[in-house]
Amino acid sequence: SESDEVILKVDKEYEEGEPVVAWCGPQPNSRLFVNYGIVDENNPYDKLAITITIPNTDPLFQMKRSKLQHVDLSSQQQFQLQRDSDLPPMLIPYMRLACASTAEDSEKVQFLESAGPVNSALESSVLRQLIVYLQSRLDGYPTSQEEDLATIQNPDSNLRQVAVAKLVRIEKQVLQNALQQVLQKQAELGTVEQTSITNQVRIS
């Protein structure tokens, strides 16, 4: 019956027995897994999204939203993390604006890759919030990377178990890469007097 058939249209002549490779398009592993049940450990299109929201209860919300609109960003903005890449260039500047508690600090935020901190206290707050989020997300997984690897290498694991373990392990590597970069920025900032975080943004 038609339901038992899969028809592939190929781009060249193939000899009998020659493997046919099907490209699924530029999709992250999370989508490949859902759509096809596969995970590509060398997927150059793989990414993990985090969403940062500036709440409309922020006293400076209108000012911040107007500033964001000038650089084509919104008060709820998604950023894509990748395993072997630098942090998204607008992530830290966005967090600076989101965490700013005064109009003066908000005005000083620049959306340039080369832009430095507005001040050490604000930068410390930005980095601490990112560190807490990334670490809590890593801590939320029920298995360690070593356990994931053991599942992948276990000959008794079924295909679904292997795919899930690969997907989760890659997600952890993406988060770990981002966390290490933020920790490095914190180390470069040096010792800053710890103050309470007055503007807590929502990261998901």
C-alpha atoms as a PDB file:
ATOM      1  CA  SER A   1       0.000   0.000   0.000  1.00  0.00           C
ATOM      2  CA  GLU A   2       1.035   3.635  -0.381  1.00  0.00           C
ATOM      3  CA  SER A   3       1.440   4.000   3.383  1.00  0.00           C
ATOM      4  CA  ASP A   4       4.244   1.413   3.303  1.00  0.00           C
ATOM      5  CA  GLU A   5       6.271   3.220   0.634  1.00  0.00           C
ATOM      6  CA  VAL A   6       8.825   6.007   0.743  1.00  0.00           C
ATOM      7  CA  ILE A   7       9.740   7.645  -2.562  1.00  0.00           C
ATOM      8  CA  LEU A   8      12.961   9.638  -2.856  1.00  0.00           C
ATOM      9  CA  LYS A   9      13.705  11.814  -5.879  1.00  0.00           C
ATOM     10  CA  VAL A  10      17.445  11.762  -6.527  1.00  0.00           C
ATOM     11  CA  ASP A  11      19.658  14.347  -8.179  1.00  0.00           C
ATOM     12  CA  LYS A  12      21.777  11.956 -10.270  1.00  0.00           C
ATOM     13  CA  GLU A  13      22.002   8.415 -11.596  1.00  0.00           C
ATOM     14  CA  TYR A  14      22.762   5.798  -8.927  1.00  0.00           C
ATOM     15  CA  GLU A  15      24.096   2.301  -9.377  1.00  0.00           C
ATOM     16  CA  GLU A  16      22.436  -0.584  -7.580  1.00  0.00           C
ATOM     17  CA  GLY A  17      23.761  -0.818  -4.042  1.00  0.00           C
ATOM     18  CA  GLU A  18      25.157   2.713  -4.012  1.00  0.00           C
ATOM     19  CA  PRO A  19      24.050   4.587  -0.881  1.00  0.00           C
ATOM     20  CA  VAL A  20      21.620   7.483  -1.264  1.00  0.00           C
ATOM     21  CA  VAL A  21      22.110  10.347   1.170  1.00  0.00           C
ATOM     22  CA  ALA A  22      19.049  12.426   2.022  1.00  0.00           C
ATOM     23  CA  TRP A  23      19.634  15.978   3.305  1.00  0.00           C
ATOM     24  CA  CYS A  24      16.982  17.149   5.735  1.00  0.00           C
ATOM     25  CA  GLY A  25      17.760  20.826   5.383  1.00  0.00           C
ATOM     26  CA  PRO A  26      19.352  23.301   7.817  1.00  0.00           C
ATOM     27  CA  GLN A  27      17.668  22.062  10.974  1.00  0.00           C
ATOM     28  CA  PRO A  28      18.894  21.913  14.586  1.00  0.00           C
ATOM     29  CA  ASN A  29      19.123  18.488  16.188  1.00  0.00           C
ATOM     30  CA  SER A  30      16.016  19.091  18.285  1.00  0.00           C
ATOM     31  CA  ARG A  31      13.969  19.314  15.067  1.00  0.00           C
ATOM     32  CA  LEU A  32      15.796  16.460  13.361  1.00  0.00           C
ATOM     33  CA  PHE A  33      14.993  14.266  16.340  1.00  0.00           C
ATOM     34  CA  VAL A  34      11.301  15.171  16.382  1.00  0.00           C
ATOM     35  CA  ASN A  35      10.856  14.940  12.598  1.00  0.00           C
ATOM     36  CA  TYR A  36      13.143  12.026  11.733  1.00  0.00           C
ATOM     37  CA  GLY A  37      14.290  10.411  14.977  1.00  0.00           C
ATOM     38  CA  ILE A  38      17.950  11.165  14.245  1.00  0.00           C
ATOM     39  CA  VAL A  39      20.677  13.292  15.817  1.00  0.00           C
ATOM     40  CA  ASP A  40      23.729  14.520  13.889  1.00  0.00           C
ATOM     41  CA  GLU A  41      26.652  15.041  16.279  1.00  0.00           C
ATOM     42  CA  ASN A  42      28.421  17.197  13.656  1.00  0.00           C
ATOM     43  CA  ASN A  43      25.408  19.295  12.714  1.00  0.00           C
ATOM     44  CA  PRO A  44      26.637  22.820  11.829  1.00  0.00           C
ATOM     45  CA  TYR A  45      23.061  24.110  12.122  1.00  0.00           C
ATOM     46  CA  ASP A  46      22.574  22.904  15.675  1.00  0.00           C
ATOM     47  CA  LYS A  47      21.663  25.555  18.222  1.00  0.00           C
ATOM     48  CA  LEU A  48      19.923  26.037  21.538  1.00  0.00           C
ATOM     49  CA  ALA A  49      17.657  29.025  22.083  1.00  0.00           C
ATOM     50  CA  ILE A  50      17.347  31.142  25.197  1.00  0.00           C
ATOM     51  CA  THR A  51      14.737  33.854  25.520  1.00  0.00           C
ATOM     52  CA  ILE A  52      15.223  37.005  27.573  1.00  0.00           C
ATOM     53  CA  THR A  53      12.197  39.073  28.539  1.00  0.00           C
ATOM     54  CA  ILE A  54      12.168  42.602  29.876  1.00  0.00           C
ATOM     55  CA  PRO A  55       8.954  42.721  31.936  1.00  0.00           C
ATOM     56  CA  ASN A  56       6.508  45.519  31.205  1.00  0.00           C
ATOM     57  CA  THR A  57       6.522  46.229  34.947  1.00  0.00           C
ATOM     58  CA  ASP A  58      10.071  47.582  34.610  1.00  0.00           C
ATOM     59  CA  PRO A  59       9.867  51.340  35.387  1.00  0.00           C
ATOM     60  CA  LEU A  60      12.124  51.958  32.389  1.00  0.00           C
ATOM     61  CA  PHE A  61      10.248  49.595  30.074  1.00  0.00           C
ATOM     62  CA  GLN A  62       9.120  52.204  27.515  1.00  0.00           C
ATOM     63  CA  MET A  63      12.582  53.718  27.317  1.00  0.00           C
ATOM     64  CA  LYS A  64      14.224  50.341  26.910  1.00  0.00           C
ATOM     65  CA  ARG A  65      11.730  49.167  24.296  1.00  0.00           C
ATOM     66  CA  SER A  66      12.297  52.329  22.253  1.00  0.00           C
ATOM     67  CA  LYS A  67      16.069  51.820  22.403  1.00  0.00           C
ATOM     68  CA  LEU A  68      15.683  48.192  21.337  1.00  0.00           C
ATOM     69  CA  GLN A  69      13.496  49.107  18.375  1.00  0.00           C
ATOM     70  CA  HIS A  70      16.336  51.210  16.949  1.00  0.00           C
ATOM     71  CA  VAL A  71      18.463  48.057  16.663  1.00  0.00           C
ATOM     72  CA  ASP A  72      15.626  45.763  15.514  1.00  0.00           C
ATOM     73  CA  LEU A  73      15.307  43.952  18.835  1.00  0.00           C
ATOM     74  CA  SER A  74      12.256  43.472  21.039  1.00  0.00           C
ATOM     75  CA  SER A  75      11.453  43.335  24.740  1.00  0.00           C
ATOM     76  CA  GLN A  76      11.214  39.554  24.412  1.00  0.00           C
ATOM     77  CA  GLN A  77      14.247  38.463  22.450  1.00  0.00           C
ATOM     78  CA  GLN A  78      15.561  35.039  21.485  1.00  0.00           C
ATOM     79  CA  PHE A  79      19.279  34.290  21.228  1.00  0.00           C
ATOM     80  CA  GLN A  80      20.808  31.177  19.691  1.00  0.00           C
ATOM     81  CA  LEU A  81      23.670  29.424  21.498  1.00  0.00           C
ATOM     82  CA  GLN A  82      25.969  27.056  19.606  1.00  0.00           C
ATOM     83  CA  ARG A  83      28.399  24.434  20.819  1.00  0.00           C
ATOM     84  CA  ASP A  84      31.657  25.697  19.326  1.00  0.00           C
ATOM     85  CA  SER A  85      30.822  29.358  18.820  1.00  0.00           C
ATOM     86  CA  ASP A  86      31.176  32.603  20.716  1.00  0.00           C
ATOM     87  CA  LEU A  87      28.213  34.013  22.591  1.00  0.00           C
ATOM     88  CA  PRO A  88      25.712  35.816  20.337  1.00  0.00           C
ATOM     89  CA  PRO A  89      27.175  39.328  19.896  1.00  0.00           C
ATOM     90  CA  MET A  90      24.039  41.112  21.093  1.00  0.00           C
ATOM     91  CA  LEU A  91      23.424  38.899  24.158  1.00  0.00           C
ATOM     92  CA  ILE A  92      25.565  40.791  26.681  1.00  0.00           C
ATOM     93  CA  PRO A  93      24.542  44.296  25.460  1.00  0.00           C
ATOM     94  CA  TYR A  94      20.889  43.201  25.616  1.00  0.00           C
ATOM     95  CA  MET A  95      21.346  41.941  29.171  1.00  0.00           C
ATOM     96  CA  ARG A  96      23.028  45.229  30.137  1.00  0.00           C
ATOM     97  CA  LEU A  97      19.964  47.135  29.011  1.00  0.00           C
ATOM     98  CA  ALA A  98      17.576  44.646  30.574  1.00  0.00           C
ATOM     99  CA  CYS A  99      19.367  44.796  33.941  1.00  0.00           C
ATOM    100  CA  ALA A 100      19.893  48.569  33.991  1.00  0.00           C
ATOM    101  CA  SER A 101      18.018  50.161  36.887  1.00  0.00           C
ATOM    102  CA  THR A 102      18.567  53.828  35.991  1.00  0.00           C
ATOM    103  CA  ALA A 103      17.855  55.894  32.903  1.00  0.00           C
ATOM    104  CA  GLU A 104      21.481  57.010  32.879  1.00  0.00           C
ATOM    105  CA  ASP A 105      22.772  53.429  32.678  1.00  0.00           C
ATOM    106  CA  SER A 106      20.180  52.556  30.031  1.00  0.00           C
ATOM    107  CA  GLU A 107      21.311  55.460  27.859  1.00  0.00           C
ATOM    108  CA  LYS A 108      24.939  54.322  28.081  1.00  0.00           C
ATOM    109  CA  VAL A 109      24.256  50.807  26.734  1.00  0.00           C
ATOM    110  CA  GLN A 110      25.654  50.357  23.229  1.00  0.00           C
ATOM    111  CA  PHE A 111      24.685  47.548  20.881  1.00  0.00           C
ATOM    112  CA  LEU A 112      28.132  47.024  19.433  1.00  0.00           C
ATOM    113  CA  GLU A 113      30.348  43.951  19.679  1.00  0.00           C
ATOM    114  CA  SER A 114      33.204  46.189  20.779  1.00  0.00           C
ATOM    115  CA  ALA A 115      31.170  47.985  23.458  1.00  0.00           C
ATOM    116  CA  GLY A 116      32.464  47.551  26.981  1.00  0.00           C
ATOM    117  CA  PRO A 117      30.622  47.455  30.304  1.00  0.00           C
ATOM    118  CA  VAL A 118      28.538  50.434  31.378  1.00  0.00           C
ATOM    119  CA  ASN A 119      29.928  50.031  34.891  1.00  0.00           C
ATOM    120  CA  SER A 120      31.302  47.154  36.934  1.00  0.00           C
ATOM    121  CA  ALA A 121      28.247  46.790  39.192  1.00  0.00           C
ATOM    122  CA  LEU A 122      25.848  46.435  36.244  1.00  0.00           C
ATOM    123  CA  GLU A 123      28.220  44.086  34.422  1.00  0.00           C
ATOM    124  CA  SER A 124      28.511  41.922  37.520  1.00  0.00           C
ATOM    125  CA  SER A 125      24.717  41.707  37.748  1.00  0.00           C
ATOM    126  CA  VAL A 126      24.467  40.759  34.048  1.00  0.00           C
ATOM    127  CA  LEU A 127      27.061  38.003  34.328  1.00  0.00           C
ATOM    128  CA  ARG A 128      25.689  36.631  37.598  1.00  0.00           C
ATOM    129  CA  GLN A 129      22.186  36.293  36.170  1.00  0.00           C
ATOM    130  CA  LEU A 130      23.484  34.488  33.096  1.00  0.00           C
ATOM    131  CA  ILE A 131      25.660  32.185  35.209  1.00  0.00           C
ATOM    132  CA  VAL A 132      22.768  31.302  37.526  1.00  0.00           C
ATOM    133  CA  TYR A 133      20.499  30.571  34.565  1.00  0.00           C
ATOM    134  CA  LEU A 134      23.002  28.456  32.613  1.00  0.00           C
ATOM    135  CA  GLN A 135      24.103  26.512  35.690  1.00  0.00           C
ATOM    136  CA  SER A 136      20.531  25.853  36.813  1.00  0.00           C
ATOM    137  CA  ARG A 137      19.643  24.620  33.341  1.00  0.00           C
ATOM    138  CA  LEU A 138      22.622  22.262  33.382  1.00  0.00           C
ATOM    139  CA  ASP A 139      21.704  21.086  36.872  1.00  0.00           C
ATOM    140  CA  GLY A 140      18.171  20.362  35.678  1.00  0.00           C
ATOM    141  CA  TYR A 141      19.226  17.348  33.602  1.00  0.00           C
ATOM    142  CA  PRO A 142      18.702  14.024  35.410  1.00  0.00           C
ATOM    143  CA  THR A 143      21.864  12.484  33.932  1.00  0.00           C
ATOM    144  CA  SER A 144      25.522  13.490  33.695  1.00  0.00           C
ATOM    145  CA  GLN A 145      27.462  13.716  30.428  1.00  0.00           C
ATOM    146  CA  GLU A 146      29.342  10.576  31.490  1.00  0.00           C
ATOM    147  CA  GLU A 147      26.051   8.705  31.890  1.00  0.00           C
ATOM    148  CA  ASP A 148      24.876   9.973  28.505  1.00  0.00           C
ATOM    149  CA  LEU A 149      28.075   8.698  26.906  1.00  0.00           C
ATOM    150  CA  ALA A 150      27.649   5.330  28.614  1.00  0.00           C
ATOM    151  CA  THR A 151      24.141   5.049  27.140  1.00  0.00           C
ATOM    152  CA  ILE A 152      25.450   5.928  23.674  1.00  0.00           C
ATOM    153  CA  GLN A 153      28.204   3.309  23.892  1.00  0.00           C
ATOM    154  CA  ASN A 154      26.054   0.609  25.485  1.00  0.00           C
ATOM    155  CA  PRO A 155      25.281  -2.090  22.862  1.00  0.00           C
ATOM    156  CA  ASP A 156      22.039  -2.865  24.713  1.00  0.00           C
ATOM    157  CA  SER A 157      20.687   0.677  24.235  1.00  0.00           C
ATOM    158  CA  ASN A 158      17.981   0.946  21.600  1.00  0.00           C
ATOM    159  CA  LEU A 159      18.087   3.548  18.816  1.00  0.00           C
ATOM    160  CA  ARG A 160      15.756   5.938  20.627  1.00  0.00           C
ATOM    161  CA  GLN A 161      17.801   5.797  23.832  1.00  0.00           C
ATOM    162  CA  VAL A 162      20.988   6.508  21.880  1.00  0.00           C
ATOM    163  CA  ALA A 163      19.415   9.419  19.979  1.00  0.00           C
ATOM    164  CA  VAL A 164      18.021  10.976  23.170  1.00  0.00           C
ATOM    165  CA  ALA A 165      21.375  10.608  24.947  1.00  0.00           C
ATOM    166  CA  LYS A 166      23.190  12.232  22.000  1.00  0.00           C
ATOM    167  CA  LEU A 167      20.705  15.105  21.862  1.00  0.00           C
ATOM    168  CA  VAL A 168      20.885  15.778  25.599  1.00  0.00           C
ATOM    169  CA  ARG A 169      24.687  15.504  25.644  1.00  0.00           C
ATOM    170  CA  ILE A 170      24.995  18.063  22.838  1.00  0.00           C
ATOM    171  CA  GLU A 171      22.580  20.424  24.628  1.00  0.00           C
ATOM    172  CA  LYS A 172      24.758  20.216  27.736  1.00  0.00           C
ATOM    173  CA  GLN A 173      27.874  20.956  25.685  1.00  0.00           C
ATOM    174  CA  VAL A 174      26.184  24.041  24.216  1.00  0.00           C
ATOM    175  CA  LEU A 175      25.227  25.272  27.685  1.00  0.00           C
ATOM    176  CA  GLN A 176      28.656  24.440  29.102  1.00  0.00           C
ATOM    177  CA  ASN A 177      30.356  26.356  26.301  1.00  0.00           C
ATOM    178  CA  ALA A 178      28.220  29.424  27.010  1.00  0.00           C
ATOM    179  CA  LEU A 179      28.760  29.091  30.771  1.00  0.00           C
ATOM    180  CA  GLN A 180      32.538  28.921  30.400  1.00  0.00           C
ATOM    181  CA  GLN A 181      32.533  32.082  28.285  1.00  0.00           C
ATOM    182  CA  VAL A 182      30.450  33.974  30.837  1.00  0.00           C
ATOM    183  CA  LEU A 183      32.653  32.746  33.690  1.00  0.00           C
ATOM    184  CA  GLN A 184      35.688  33.973  31.750  1.00  0.00           C
ATOM    185  CA  LYS A 185      34.096  37.400  31.393  1.00  0.00           C
ATOM    186  CA  GLN A 186      33.399  37.408  35.127  1.00  0.00           C
ATOM    187  CA  ALA A 187      37.047  36.562  35.850  1.00  0.00           C
ATOM    188  CA  GLU A 188      38.201  39.356  33.540  1.00  0.00           C
ATOM    189  CA  LEU A 189      35.885  41.799  35.321  1.00  0.00           C
ATOM    190  CA  GLY A 190      37.646  41.059  38.588  1.00  0.00           C
ATOM    191  CA  THR A 191      36.342  41.389  42.120  1.00  0.00           C
ATOM    192  CA  VAL A 192      33.250  43.553  42.374  1.00  0.00           C
ATOM    193  CA  GLU A 193      31.377  44.275  45.574  1.00  0.00           C
ATOM    194  CA  GLN A 194      28.361  42.002  45.529  1.00  0.00           C
ATOM    195  CA  THR A 195      25.143  43.981  45.552  1.00  0.00           C
ATOM    196  CA  SER A 196      21.573  42.792  45.316  1.00  0.00           C
ATOM    197  CA  ILE A 197      20.197  42.387  41.820  1.00  0.00           C
ATOM    198  CA  THR A 198      17.647  45.180  41.524  1.00  0.00           C
ATOM    199  CA  ASN A 199      16.484  44.345  38.005  1.00  0.00           C
ATOM    200  CA  GLN A 200      15.860  40.635  37.671  1.00  0.00           C
ATOM    201  CA  VAL A 201      15.087  39.759  34.049  1.00  0.00           C
ATOM    202  CA  ARG A 202      13.332  36.605  32.922  1.00  0.00           C
ATOM    203  CA  ILE A 203      15.480  34.107  31.054  1.00  0.00           C
ATOM    204  CA  SER A 204      13.976  30.932  29.665  1.00  0.00           C
END
